[in-house]
Structure formats: structure tokens, C-alpha cells
N, C-alpha and C. Protein backbone atom coordinates (compact mmCIF):
# COMPACT_ATOMS: atom_id res chain seq x y z
N MET A 1 76.04 105.00 70.86
CA MET A 1 76.08 103.76 71.56
C MET A 1 77.32 103.65 72.50
N GLU A 2 77.01 103.84 73.89
CA GLU A 2 78.04 103.62 74.98
C GLU A 2 78.48 102.13 74.69
N LYS A 3 80.03 102.15 74.58
CA LYS A 3 80.72 100.71 74.24
C LYS A 3 81.07 100.09 75.81
N LEU A 4 80.39 98.86 75.51
CA LEU A 4 80.50 98.11 76.60
C LEU A 4 81.76 97.35 76.95
N VAL A 5 82.16 97.66 78.28
CA VAL A 5 83.40 96.88 78.32
C VAL A 5 83.40 95.72 79.34
N ALA A 6 83.88 94.59 79.17
CA ALA A 6 83.50 93.18 79.79
C ALA A 6 84.52 92.84 80.39
N VAL A 7 86.09 93.51 80.57
CA VAL A 7 87.08 93.31 81.45
C VAL A 7 87.04 94.15 82.33
N THR A 8 87.23 93.79 83.67
CA THR A 8 87.80 94.27 85.15
C THR A 8 88.62 93.79 85.46
N VAL A 9 89.35 94.83 85.89
CA VAL A 9 90.69 94.35 86.89
C VAL A 9 90.77 94.91 88.29
N TRP A 10 90.54 94.06 89.48
CA TRP A 10 90.57 94.67 90.62
C TRP A 10 91.94 94.61 91.56
N GLY A 11 92.67 95.59 91.72
CA GLY A 11 93.69 95.84 92.21
C GLY A 11 94.61 96.74 91.43
N ILE A 12 95.30 97.42 92.59
CA ILE A 12 96.63 98.17 91.97
C ILE A 12 97.60 98.30 92.94
N GLY A 13 98.72 98.79 92.42
CA GLY A 13 99.79 99.17 93.17
C GLY A 13 100.68 97.99 94.04
N THR A 14 100.58 96.97 93.24
CA THR A 14 101.79 96.05 93.65
C THR A 14 102.31 95.21 92.50
N THR A 15 103.30 94.62 92.86
CA THR A 15 104.00 93.85 91.40
C THR A 15 103.07 93.05 90.60
N ARG A 16 102.05 92.00 91.25
CA ARG A 16 101.36 91.24 90.85
C ARG A 16 100.16 92.00 90.27
N THR A 17 99.79 92.43 90.76
CA THR A 17 98.81 93.57 89.99
C THR A 17 99.17 94.24 88.51
N PHE A 18 100.33 94.54 88.64
CA PHE A 18 101.08 95.52 87.48
C PHE A 18 101.36 94.51 86.74
N ARG A 19 101.58 93.01 86.10
CA ARG A 19 101.98 92.03 85.58
C ARG A 19 99.97 92.03 84.78
N VAL A 20 99.06 92.27 85.25
CA VAL A 20 98.07 92.17 84.37
C VAL A 20 97.76 93.52 83.74
N HIS A 21 98.20 94.73 84.19
CA HIS A 21 97.91 95.82 83.82
C HIS A 21 98.64 95.94 82.84
N HIS A 22 99.58 95.26 82.41
CA HIS A 22 100.86 95.39 81.56
C HIS A 22 100.47 94.61 80.43
N ALA A 23 100.12 93.41 80.88
CA ALA A 23 99.68 92.43 79.68
C ALA A 23 98.12 93.12 78.82
N LEU A 24 97.52 93.77 79.86
CA LEU A 24 96.19 94.61 79.02
C LEU A 24 96.64 95.42 78.32
N HIS A 25 97.46 96.29 78.53
CA HIS A 25 98.21 97.66 77.84
C HIS A 25 98.77 96.93 76.49
N GLU A 26 99.57 96.06 76.74
CA GLU A 26 100.26 95.18 75.73
C GLU A 26 99.28 95.00 74.50
N CYS A 27 98.24 94.30 75.01
CA CYS A 27 97.03 93.73 73.94
C CYS A 27 96.25 94.92 73.71
N GLY A 28 96.20 95.78 74.43
CA GLY A 28 95.32 97.11 73.65
C GLY A 28 93.94 96.68 74.07
N ILE A 29 93.96 96.54 75.18
CA ILE A 29 92.25 95.76 75.66
C ILE A 29 91.67 96.93 76.33
N ASP A 30 90.50 97.51 76.25
CA ASP A 30 89.87 98.75 77.16
C ASP A 30 89.24 97.60 78.10
N TYR A 31 89.48 98.18 79.54
CA TYR A 31 88.86 97.64 80.56
C TYR A 31 88.89 98.54 81.53
N VAL A 32 87.99 97.97 82.65
CA VAL A 32 87.78 98.87 83.90
C VAL A 32 89.01 98.41 85.15
N THR A 33 89.41 99.41 86.02
CA THR A 33 89.86 99.21 87.07
C THR A 33 89.47 99.70 88.34
N GLU A 34 89.15 98.57 89.28
CA GLU A 34 88.76 98.61 90.20
C GLU A 34 90.10 99.03 91.41
N PRO A 35 90.29 99.96 91.92
CA PRO A 35 91.62 100.56 92.50
C PRO A 35 91.74 99.98 94.00
N VAL A 36 91.57 98.60 94.31
CA VAL A 36 91.67 97.64 95.18
C VAL A 36 93.08 97.70 95.88
N ARG A 37 93.54 98.31 96.88
CA ARG A 37 94.82 98.18 97.30
C ARG A 37 94.83 96.95 98.71
N THR A 38 96.25 96.46 98.79
CA THR A 38 96.03 95.36 99.83
C THR A 38 95.95 96.02 101.06
N ARG A 39 95.44 95.27 102.49
CA ARG A 39 95.73 96.03 103.09
C ARG A 39 94.92 97.18 103.32
N THR A 40 93.86 97.56 102.66
CA THR A 40 92.90 98.39 103.35
C THR A 40 91.54 97.98 102.93
N SER A 41 90.60 98.86 103.68
CA SER A 41 89.27 98.69 103.97
C SER A 41 88.55 98.24 102.52
N ASP A 42 89.20 98.67 101.21
CA ASP A 42 88.46 98.18 100.02
C ASP A 42 88.43 96.67 99.83
N MET A 43 89.29 95.82 100.49
CA MET A 43 89.47 94.38 100.23
C MET A 43 88.44 93.66 101.10
N GLU A 44 87.41 94.76 101.60
CA GLU A 44 86.31 93.96 102.65
C GLU A 44 85.07 94.39 101.85
N ARG A 45 84.98 95.27 100.73
CA ARG A 45 84.23 95.31 99.71
C ARG A 45 83.23 94.05 99.45
N PRO A 46 81.61 94.00 99.67
CA PRO A 46 81.12 92.67 99.30
C PRO A 46 81.30 92.37 97.54
N GLU A 47 81.42 93.78 96.79
CA GLU A 47 81.30 93.09 95.56
C GLU A 47 83.15 92.36 95.01
N PHE A 48 83.84 93.08 95.78
CA PHE A 48 85.37 92.60 95.44
C PHE A 48 85.50 91.04 96.38
N ARG A 49 84.67 91.01 97.22
CA ARG A 49 84.82 89.59 98.13
C ARG A 49 84.15 88.43 97.10
N ALA A 50 82.98 88.99 96.33
CA ALA A 50 82.22 88.07 95.39
C ALA A 50 83.08 87.74 94.37
N VAL A 51 84.01 88.35 93.94
CA VAL A 51 85.03 87.98 92.82
C VAL A 51 86.55 86.96 93.26
N ALA A 52 86.75 87.68 94.34
CA ALA A 52 88.20 87.69 94.86
C ALA A 52 87.86 86.55 96.12
N VAL A 53 87.99 85.09 95.57
CA VAL A 53 87.47 84.23 96.80
C VAL A 53 88.45 84.09 97.61
N SER A 54 89.89 84.10 97.38
CA SER A 54 90.78 84.42 98.04
C SER A 54 91.39 85.50 98.96
N GLY A 55 90.16 86.65 98.51
CA GLY A 55 90.65 88.14 99.29
C GLY A 55 91.47 88.80 98.81
N LYS A 56 92.43 88.39 97.61
CA LYS A 56 93.56 89.09 97.29
C LYS A 56 93.62 89.72 95.91
N VAL A 57 94.41 90.59 95.70
CA VAL A 57 94.51 91.16 94.14
C VAL A 57 95.94 90.49 93.73
N PRO A 58 95.94 90.45 92.32
CA PRO A 58 94.64 90.97 91.23
C PRO A 58 93.89 90.18 91.16
N SER A 59 92.33 90.10 91.04
CA SER A 59 91.55 89.42 90.47
C SER A 59 90.90 89.94 89.05
N PHE A 60 90.56 89.07 88.33
CA PHE A 60 90.43 89.51 86.73
C PHE A 60 88.77 88.91 86.64
N GLN A 61 88.20 89.67 85.84
CA GLN A 61 86.84 89.25 84.97
C GLN A 61 86.98 89.33 83.53
N ASP A 62 86.43 88.66 82.92
CA ASP A 62 86.38 88.67 81.55
C ASP A 62 85.10 88.13 81.30
N ASP A 63 83.67 89.32 81.37
CA ASP A 63 82.40 88.74 81.55
C ASP A 63 81.92 87.56 82.62
N ASP A 64 81.97 86.29 82.56
CA ASP A 64 81.74 85.92 83.89
C ASP A 64 82.78 84.81 83.96
N PHE A 65 84.02 85.12 83.24
CA PHE A 65 85.03 84.29 83.67
C PHE A 65 86.28 85.01 84.48
N VAL A 66 86.68 84.37 85.86
CA VAL A 66 87.32 84.90 86.65
C VAL A 66 88.44 84.26 86.90
N LEU A 67 90.02 84.88 87.02
CA LEU A 67 91.26 84.44 87.46
C LEU A 67 91.45 85.10 88.44
N THR A 68 92.37 84.36 89.20
CA THR A 68 92.81 85.13 90.50
C THR A 68 94.51 85.06 90.87
N GLU A 69 95.24 84.45 89.80
CA GLU A 69 96.61 84.49 90.22
C GLU A 69 97.37 84.93 88.57
N SER A 70 98.37 86.37 89.21
CA SER A 70 98.83 86.97 88.10
C SER A 70 99.56 86.05 86.98
N ALA A 71 100.15 85.30 87.20
CA ALA A 71 100.52 84.53 86.07
C ALA A 71 99.77 83.87 85.07
N ALA A 72 98.57 83.50 86.05
CA ALA A 72 97.47 82.80 84.74
C ALA A 72 97.00 83.40 83.99
N ILE A 73 96.52 84.86 84.59
CA ILE A 73 96.24 85.89 83.98
C ILE A 73 96.89 86.55 82.92
N THR A 74 98.29 86.96 82.94
CA THR A 74 98.96 87.32 81.89
C THR A 74 99.13 86.20 81.08
N ARG A 75 99.10 84.74 81.21
CA ARG A 75 99.16 83.70 80.41
C ARG A 75 97.72 83.86 79.07
N TYR A 76 96.43 84.19 79.92
CA TYR A 76 95.45 84.21 79.06
C TYR A 76 95.43 85.54 78.26
N LEU A 77 95.82 86.38 78.98
CA LEU A 77 95.72 87.84 78.06
C LEU A 77 96.66 87.53 77.04
N MET A 78 97.77 87.31 77.28
CA MET A 78 98.74 87.08 76.01
C MET A 78 98.87 85.97 75.20
N THR A 79 97.64 85.09 75.35
CA THR A 79 97.74 83.86 74.23
C THR A 79 96.60 83.92 73.64
N ARG A 80 95.60 84.55 74.40
CA ARG A 80 94.20 84.51 73.74
C ARG A 80 93.88 84.92 72.54
N GLY A 81 93.37 84.45 71.84
CA GLY A 81 93.17 84.77 69.90
C GLY A 81 94.33 84.38 69.43
N HIS A 82 95.37 83.83 69.74
CA HIS A 82 96.55 83.27 69.13
C HIS A 82 96.50 81.66 68.53
N PRO A 83 96.91 81.31 67.58
CA PRO A 83 97.00 79.81 67.73
C PRO A 83 97.81 79.03 68.85
N PRO A 84 97.39 77.88 69.22
CA PRO A 84 98.34 77.40 70.51
C PRO A 84 100.00 77.18 70.11
N ARG A 85 100.63 77.68 70.90
CA ARG A 85 102.12 77.35 70.79
C ARG A 85 102.44 75.61 70.37
N PRO A 86 103.25 75.29 69.72
CA PRO A 86 103.71 74.18 69.51
C PRO A 86 104.30 73.64 70.95
N VAL A 87 103.89 72.13 70.96
CA VAL A 87 104.00 71.48 72.34
C VAL A 87 105.44 71.86 72.90
N ARG A 88 106.44 71.69 72.36
CA ARG A 88 107.76 71.94 72.90
C ARG A 88 107.94 73.46 73.33
N GLU A 89 107.57 74.27 72.23
CA GLU A 89 107.63 75.93 72.69
C GLU A 89 106.86 76.22 73.98
N GLN A 90 105.82 75.44 74.19
CA GLN A 90 105.04 75.67 75.45
C GLN A 90 105.71 75.31 76.57
N ALA A 91 106.06 73.93 76.39
CA ALA A 91 106.53 73.43 77.87
C ALA A 91 107.92 74.53 78.00
N PHE A 92 108.58 74.89 77.25
CA PHE A 92 109.91 76.23 77.40
C PHE A 92 109.36 77.13 78.42
N VAL A 93 107.96 77.67 77.78
CA VAL A 93 107.58 79.12 78.23
C VAL A 93 107.02 78.54 79.66
N ASP A 94 106.34 77.25 79.86
CA ASP A 94 105.88 76.70 81.23
C ASP A 94 106.99 76.57 82.33
N GLN A 95 108.26 76.09 81.46
CA GLN A 95 109.27 75.73 82.64
C GLN A 95 109.78 77.21 83.12
N TRP A 96 110.11 78.17 82.34
CA TRP A 96 110.62 79.80 82.74
C TRP A 96 109.49 80.33 83.53
N CYS A 97 108.18 80.06 83.23
CA CYS A 97 107.08 80.62 84.05
C CYS A 97 107.40 80.13 85.29
N HIS A 98 107.06 78.90 85.53
CA HIS A 98 107.08 78.35 87.04
C HIS A 98 108.17 78.66 87.95
N PHE A 99 109.68 78.53 86.88
CA PHE A 99 110.84 79.18 87.57
C PHE A 99 110.81 80.18 88.36
N MET A 100 110.19 81.28 87.80
CA MET A 100 110.29 82.65 88.00
C MET A 100 109.05 82.97 88.96
N MET A 101 107.96 82.20 88.68
CA MET A 101 106.92 82.61 89.92
C MET A 101 107.52 81.81 91.43
N MET A 102 108.40 80.71 91.09
CA MET A 102 108.87 79.92 92.48
C MET A 102 110.11 80.76 92.85
N GLU A 103 110.78 80.56 92.20
CA GLU A 103 112.15 81.01 92.74
C GLU A 103 112.41 82.24 92.76
N LEU A 104 112.14 83.38 92.00
CA LEU A 104 112.14 84.46 92.11
C LEU A 104 111.35 85.11 92.91
N ASP A 105 110.13 85.24 92.54
CA ASP A 105 108.64 85.32 93.52
C ASP A 105 108.66 84.92 94.64
N ALA A 106 108.10 84.03 94.90
CA ALA A 106 107.44 83.28 96.09
C ALA A 106 108.79 82.88 97.00
N THR A 107 109.78 82.71 96.57
CA THR A 107 110.68 82.00 97.58
C THR A 107 111.98 83.13 98.07
N SER A 108 111.88 84.02 97.04
CA SER A 108 112.98 85.52 97.14
C SER A 108 112.39 86.49 97.53
N LEU A 109 111.59 86.95 96.50
CA LEU A 109 111.23 88.24 96.62
C LEU A 109 110.21 88.75 97.84
N TYR A 110 109.41 87.82 97.93
CA TYR A 110 108.13 87.77 98.77
C TYR A 110 108.81 87.40 100.28
N VAL A 111 109.59 86.86 100.23
CA VAL A 111 110.42 86.79 101.78
C VAL A 111 111.02 88.35 102.01
N VAL A 112 111.56 88.90 101.25
CA VAL A 112 111.84 90.20 101.52
C VAL A 112 110.74 90.93 101.68
N ARG A 113 109.59 91.01 101.16
CA ARG A 113 108.65 91.70 101.05
C ARG A 113 108.35 91.44 102.96
N ARG A 114 107.92 90.31 103.19
CA ARG A 114 107.42 90.02 104.38
C ARG A 114 108.18 90.66 105.51
N HIS A 115 109.45 90.25 105.34
CA HIS A 115 110.48 90.38 106.38
C HIS A 115 111.11 91.71 106.61
N GLU A 116 110.98 92.50 105.50
CA GLU A 116 111.60 93.89 105.31
C GLU A 116 110.77 94.83 105.26
N GLY A 117 109.32 94.60 104.31
CA GLY A 117 108.40 95.38 104.06
C GLY A 117 107.37 95.48 105.03
N LEU A 118 107.03 94.15 106.01
CA LEU A 118 105.75 94.29 106.58
C LEU A 118 106.47 93.35 108.22
N PRO A 119 107.40 93.92 108.59
CA PRO A 119 107.79 93.45 109.84
C PRO A 119 106.81 93.12 110.99
N GLU A 120 105.83 94.52 111.18
CA GLU A 120 104.93 94.41 111.73
C GLU A 120 103.43 93.15 111.88
N ILE A 121 103.63 92.53 110.64
CA ILE A 121 103.19 91.47 110.57
C ILE A 121 103.66 90.18 110.50
N TYR A 122 104.95 90.08 110.04
CA TYR A 122 105.70 89.08 109.70
C TYR A 122 106.93 88.85 110.34
N GLY A 123 107.06 89.82 111.23
CA GLY A 123 108.66 89.73 112.07
C GLY A 123 109.49 90.54 111.33
N ALA A 124 110.51 90.90 111.59
CA ALA A 124 111.57 91.60 111.15
C ALA A 124 112.83 90.54 111.31
N SER A 125 113.34 90.23 110.37
CA SER A 125 114.51 89.22 110.38
C SER A 125 115.60 89.61 109.01
N ASP A 126 116.66 90.31 109.66
CA ASP A 126 117.87 90.36 108.64
C ASP A 126 118.40 89.59 108.23
N VAL A 127 118.30 88.39 108.74
CA VAL A 127 119.21 87.01 108.25
C VAL A 127 118.29 86.55 106.92
N ALA A 128 117.14 86.81 107.23
CA ALA A 128 115.65 85.97 106.26
C ALA A 128 115.84 86.95 104.89
N VAL A 129 115.96 88.30 105.23
CA VAL A 129 116.24 89.29 104.30
C VAL A 129 117.53 88.97 103.45
N ARG A 130 118.26 88.76 103.86
CA ARG A 130 119.93 88.65 103.26
C ARG A 130 119.94 87.37 102.67
N THR A 131 119.38 86.53 103.55
CA THR A 131 119.65 85.03 102.60
C THR A 131 118.49 85.14 101.32
N ALA A 132 117.32 85.61 101.20
CA ALA A 132 116.39 85.65 100.16
C ALA A 132 117.38 86.49 99.12
N LYS A 133 117.72 87.57 99.11
CA LYS A 133 118.31 88.16 98.32
C LYS A 133 119.28 87.83 97.63
N ASP A 134 120.23 87.10 98.49
CA ASP A 134 121.18 86.34 98.06
C ASP A 134 120.88 85.01 97.04
N TYR A 135 119.71 84.70 97.53
CA TYR A 135 119.23 83.34 96.79
C TYR A 135 118.27 83.70 95.28
N PHE A 136 117.69 85.28 95.32
CA PHE A 136 117.54 85.68 94.36
C PHE A 136 118.42 85.66 93.10
N ARG A 137 119.44 86.33 93.68
CA ARG A 137 120.87 86.90 92.62
C ARG A 137 121.14 85.62 91.98
N ARG A 138 121.26 84.37 92.92
CA ARG A 138 121.59 82.94 92.43
C ARG A 138 120.77 82.51 91.47
N GLN A 139 119.42 82.40 91.52
CA GLN A 139 118.40 82.06 90.48
C GLN A 139 118.53 83.05 89.22
N LEU A 140 118.60 84.04 89.51
CA LEU A 140 118.38 84.95 88.33
C LEU A 140 119.89 84.74 87.39
N SER A 141 120.88 84.50 87.90
CA SER A 141 122.03 84.29 87.40
C SER A 141 121.83 83.23 86.56
N THR A 142 121.03 82.25 87.22
CA THR A 142 120.46 80.83 86.19
C THR A 142 119.94 81.04 85.14
N LEU A 143 119.09 82.15 85.20
CA LEU A 143 118.27 82.70 84.13
C LEU A 143 119.09 83.25 83.04
N CYS A 144 120.06 84.13 83.56
CA CYS A 144 120.44 85.01 82.95
C CYS A 144 121.63 84.09 81.57
N ASP A 145 122.13 83.06 82.41
CA ASP A 145 123.04 82.34 81.79
C ASP A 145 122.48 81.53 80.72
N GLU A 146 120.91 80.79 80.93
CA GLU A 146 120.30 80.29 80.11
C GLU A 146 119.46 80.81 78.83
N LEU A 147 119.20 82.28 79.43
CA LEU A 147 118.00 83.08 78.61
C LEU A 147 118.66 84.32 77.72
N LEU A 148 119.57 85.02 78.79
CA LEU A 148 119.80 86.43 78.51
C LEU A 148 121.27 86.30 77.47
N ASP A 149 121.18 85.73 76.52
CA ASP A 149 122.52 86.16 75.60
C ASP A 149 122.38 86.86 74.71
N GLY A 150 121.93 88.31 75.11
CA GLY A 150 121.84 89.20 73.90
C GLY A 150 120.31 89.23 73.67
N ARG A 151 119.61 88.45 73.70
CA ARG A 151 118.41 88.17 73.05
C ARG A 151 117.32 89.56 73.43
N THR A 152 116.56 89.92 73.02
CA THR A 152 115.73 91.27 73.29
C THR A 152 114.62 90.64 74.26
N TYR A 153 113.96 89.66 73.57
CA TYR A 153 113.07 88.71 74.65
C TYR A 153 113.35 87.40 74.93
N LEU A 154 112.59 86.84 75.86
CA LEU A 154 113.13 85.51 76.51
C LEU A 154 112.54 84.74 75.66
N ASN A 155 111.71 84.71 74.80
CA ASN A 155 111.05 83.58 73.71
C ASN A 155 111.27 83.94 72.39
N GLY A 156 112.18 85.17 71.96
CA GLY A 156 112.32 85.41 70.65
C GLY A 156 111.38 86.79 70.42
N SER A 157 110.08 86.44 70.79
CA SER A 157 109.25 87.69 70.46
C SER A 157 108.49 87.71 71.97
N PHE A 158 108.00 89.22 72.26
CA PHE A 158 107.46 89.44 73.61
C PHE A 158 106.42 88.37 74.19
N SER A 159 106.41 87.92 75.24
CA SER A 159 105.61 87.02 75.66
C SER A 159 105.28 87.28 77.59
N GLU A 160 104.17 86.30 77.35
CA GLU A 160 104.20 86.54 79.12
C GLU A 160 105.17 86.62 79.98
N LEU A 161 106.37 85.54 79.25
CA LEU A 161 107.77 85.59 80.36
C LEU A 161 108.01 86.90 80.50
N ASP A 162 107.91 87.84 79.60
CA ASP A 162 108.94 89.05 79.33
C ASP A 162 107.85 90.07 80.52
N ILE A 163 106.90 89.93 80.89
CA ILE A 163 105.70 90.45 81.75
C ILE A 163 106.37 90.11 82.78
N LEU A 164 106.45 88.71 83.13
CA LEU A 164 106.51 88.39 84.39
C LEU A 164 108.64 88.52 84.77
N LEU A 165 108.84 88.55 83.94
CA LEU A 165 110.45 88.93 84.71
C LEU A 165 110.63 90.19 84.55
N ILE A 166 109.91 91.17 84.08
CA ILE A 166 110.13 92.56 84.49
C ILE A 166 109.58 93.22 85.70
N SER A 167 108.92 92.72 85.84
CA SER A 167 107.81 93.09 87.40
C SER A 167 108.88 92.44 88.24
N MET A 168 109.43 91.46 88.24
CA MET A 168 110.32 90.74 89.16
C MET A 168 111.63 92.01 89.03
N LEU A 169 111.97 92.16 88.13
CA LEU A 169 113.17 93.14 88.21
C LEU A 169 113.15 94.47 88.87
N ASP A 170 111.80 94.84 88.10
CA ASP A 170 111.48 96.02 88.73
C ASP A 170 111.24 95.84 90.76
N TRP A 171 110.75 95.15 90.99
CA TRP A 171 110.61 94.60 92.24
C TRP A 171 111.97 94.50 92.78
N ALA A 172 112.93 93.92 92.56
CA ALA A 172 114.34 93.53 92.72
C ALA A 172 114.84 94.72 93.08
N ALA A 173 114.75 95.69 91.98
CA ALA A 173 115.17 97.25 92.18
C ALA A 173 114.58 98.32 93.31
N PHE A 174 113.35 98.02 93.33
CA PHE A 174 112.83 98.26 94.68
C PHE A 174 113.19 98.26 95.91
N VAL A 175 113.89 96.97 96.23
CA VAL A 175 114.47 96.66 97.47
C VAL A 175 115.69 96.56 97.76
N LYS A 176 116.15 97.35 96.27
CA LYS A 176 117.42 97.24 96.30
C LYS A 176 118.70 95.74 96.40
N VAL A 177 118.18 94.87 95.36
CA VAL A 177 118.96 93.96 95.03
C VAL A 177 119.56 93.86 93.65
N GLU A 178 120.93 93.97 93.91
CA GLU A 178 121.72 94.18 92.28
C GLU A 178 121.52 92.99 91.59
N ILE A 179 121.62 93.50 90.33
CA ILE A 179 121.46 92.34 89.51
C ILE A 179 122.42 92.30 88.40
N PRO A 180 122.67 91.10 87.69
CA PRO A 180 123.62 91.10 86.61
C PRO A 180 123.46 92.03 85.47
N GLN A 181 124.82 92.67 84.90
CA GLN A 181 124.74 93.48 83.56
C GLN A 181 123.59 92.93 82.47
N ALA A 182 123.72 91.92 82.34
CA ALA A 182 123.04 90.96 81.47
C ALA A 182 121.09 91.25 81.48
N ALA A 183 120.70 91.34 82.90
CA ALA A 183 119.53 91.47 83.22
C ALA A 183 118.94 92.89 83.36
N ALA A 184 120.39 93.97 83.62
CA ALA A 184 119.96 95.12 83.68
C ALA A 184 119.61 95.69 81.82
N VAL A 185 120.53 95.26 81.18
CA VAL A 185 120.30 95.56 79.68
C VAL A 185 118.97 95.18 79.35
N TYR A 186 118.69 93.72 79.60
CA TYR A 186 117.18 93.41 79.07
C TYR A 186 116.06 94.21 79.90
N ALA A 187 116.49 94.64 81.03
CA ALA A 187 115.58 95.39 81.25
C ALA A 187 114.92 96.90 80.90
N ALA A 188 116.28 97.61 81.02
CA ALA A 188 116.10 98.73 80.20
C ALA A 188 115.62 98.59 78.72
N GLY A 189 115.66 97.71 78.00
CA GLY A 189 115.13 97.54 76.60
C GLY A 189 113.65 97.17 76.83
N VAL A 190 113.05 96.40 77.67
CA VAL A 190 111.48 96.33 78.01
C VAL A 190 111.02 97.36 78.46
N ARG A 191 111.49 98.23 79.44
CA ARG A 191 111.15 99.59 80.26
C ARG A 191 110.64 100.83 78.77
N LYS A 192 111.31 100.61 77.76
CA LYS A 192 111.16 101.17 76.47
C LYS A 192 110.01 100.76 76.31
N ARG A 193 109.28 100.00 76.16
CA ARG A 193 108.01 99.92 75.49
C ARG A 193 106.68 100.46 75.95
N PRO A 194 106.27 101.45 75.12
CA PRO A 194 104.82 102.42 75.34
C PRO A 194 104.02 101.18 76.25
N ALA A 195 103.62 100.29 76.19
CA ALA A 195 102.59 99.65 77.02
C ALA A 195 103.30 99.52 78.60
N TYR A 196 104.32 99.29 78.41
CA TYR A 196 105.28 99.39 79.70
C TYR A 196 105.15 100.33 80.77
N GLU A 197 105.28 101.39 80.14
CA GLU A 197 105.53 102.83 80.51
C GLU A 197 103.90 103.14 81.42
N SER A 198 102.96 103.06 80.15
CA SER A 198 101.45 103.20 80.74
C SER A 198 101.09 102.73 81.54
N ALA A 199 101.39 101.14 81.62
CA ALA A 199 101.20 100.17 82.52
C ALA A 199 101.78 100.56 83.90
N TYR A 200 102.77 100.94 83.99
CA TYR A 200 103.80 101.11 84.95
C TYR A 200 102.93 102.47 85.73
N GLN A 201 102.65 103.71 85.28
CA GLN A 201 101.98 104.76 86.04
C GLN A 201 100.54 104.31 85.96
N HIS A 202 99.91 103.62 85.25
CA HIS A 202 98.67 103.12 85.78
C HIS A 202 98.53 102.46 87.14
N ASN A 203 99.33 101.52 87.39
CA ASN A 203 99.60 100.61 88.36
C ASN A 203 99.98 101.35 89.66
N TYR A 204 101.37 101.86 89.41
CA TYR A 204 101.93 102.80 90.67
C TYR A 204 101.84 104.27 90.51
N GLY A 205 101.02 104.89 89.85
CA GLY A 205 101.63 106.23 89.97
C GLY A 205 102.93 106.71 89.87
N ASN A 206 103.19 107.66 90.44
CA ASN A 206 104.82 108.05 90.43
C ASN A 206 105.75 107.54 91.14
N ARG A 207 105.41 106.29 91.53
CA ARG A 207 106.21 105.50 92.29
C ARG A 207 107.64 105.40 91.63
N SER A 208 108.93 105.45 91.99
CA SER A 208 110.36 105.39 91.23
C SER A 208 110.53 103.78 91.80
N ARG A 209 111.09 103.45 90.90
CA ARG A 209 111.80 102.10 90.80
C ARG A 209 112.91 101.78 91.88
N SER A 210 113.38 102.87 92.42
CA SER A 210 114.21 102.70 93.29
C SER A 210 114.37 103.56 94.68
């Protein structure tokens, strides 16, 4: 009998889609990939728009359950089937998840993406790009001071925090942002995980990180 696959991921090729593929590979979950890329005609497919109400990738389906934010999807995958964390540990994870998504992703790297990678849409701005890269370095240094004290993973064992951070460190490498030595050592360790390697190939193909 053919094995039924309930999980579908819509989207490949971006930092945010990578987080979802990485989590699925870490969890060993069988799934279907719909290779929708941003700013292509695939984003107008009716079946995609029926799932992705925001019209963005990634979008994630688990039977009739749909999520469309990469951090939420990653949390869902990395914690389902496990006992709930103690309240204080969960608050710690939430704090750093929100910090990374706001300070490293939205406020820093995505500004670089807009004004350096997509100037035809958002306009070119050397000042915005330079300021965003400087801000990323400062905020990453804060995280390094608090968490990267030689530990292998941010919360003791591998978690959604590590999936978020490595995706941002890869993004930083791609846009030529220098990172502290502690972050470089940490990233090298995470990149050795087999699930990271297979998910990177699945999401990006042969794209170099630099």
C-alpha cells in the first residue's frame, strides 16, 4: 500500500523556507515539497493561494492544519510529540526566538535584502544597507555574550532556536556580514549535522553560502 504523506511545504529557495525544511529533516518527517519560489508565476497558482492566504512562502500543511510563519512552523515541528517545557524554560526560548526574528531577521537582514538585493522594488540605499549590517553585528554580539559561551546549542540540546540562528548566520554570510568568532564556531558545528546538510541542498540546491 502506498504510504500517505500528510505534510506539505510550499516554498523553496529562501532563508525562511529553509527553516521549515531543516526542521522536517531534523525530525525525520516524510513530506511533499511544492517548489514555489518568491516572485515567480508559481505564487499565483490557485492551489497555493488557497493555502497561503498572505501569498508568501513558506506555507505549511499538516492534514487540515495550516501555518504560514517560519518561526511558528519550526516551533510546531520541533516540539510536537514532546512533553511541554517547564514555564521558565519556554519563556527563555520565546525570548530568544522573538529577539532573533525581530532584531536579526526583520530589522537587520531583511533591510539588506530589500535595499541591496531588490533595489528595483524597494530602492537602492547604501546608507540603509550599511546601517542594517552594523545593527545586525551589534545585536548578534548581544546574543553571543548571553548564549555562545562555548555551548554547542543555544538551549543545551538542539532546538528551534538553533534552526532560527543558523538560518540567519547563513544569510549573513551570503550578504557578506562579518560575525564574531563565537558565532562562527557555533555555526560550523551546526552545519555538520546531517539534517542541516540535506535540508540545505533540498532548499537551495548548489548555492554557496558566500
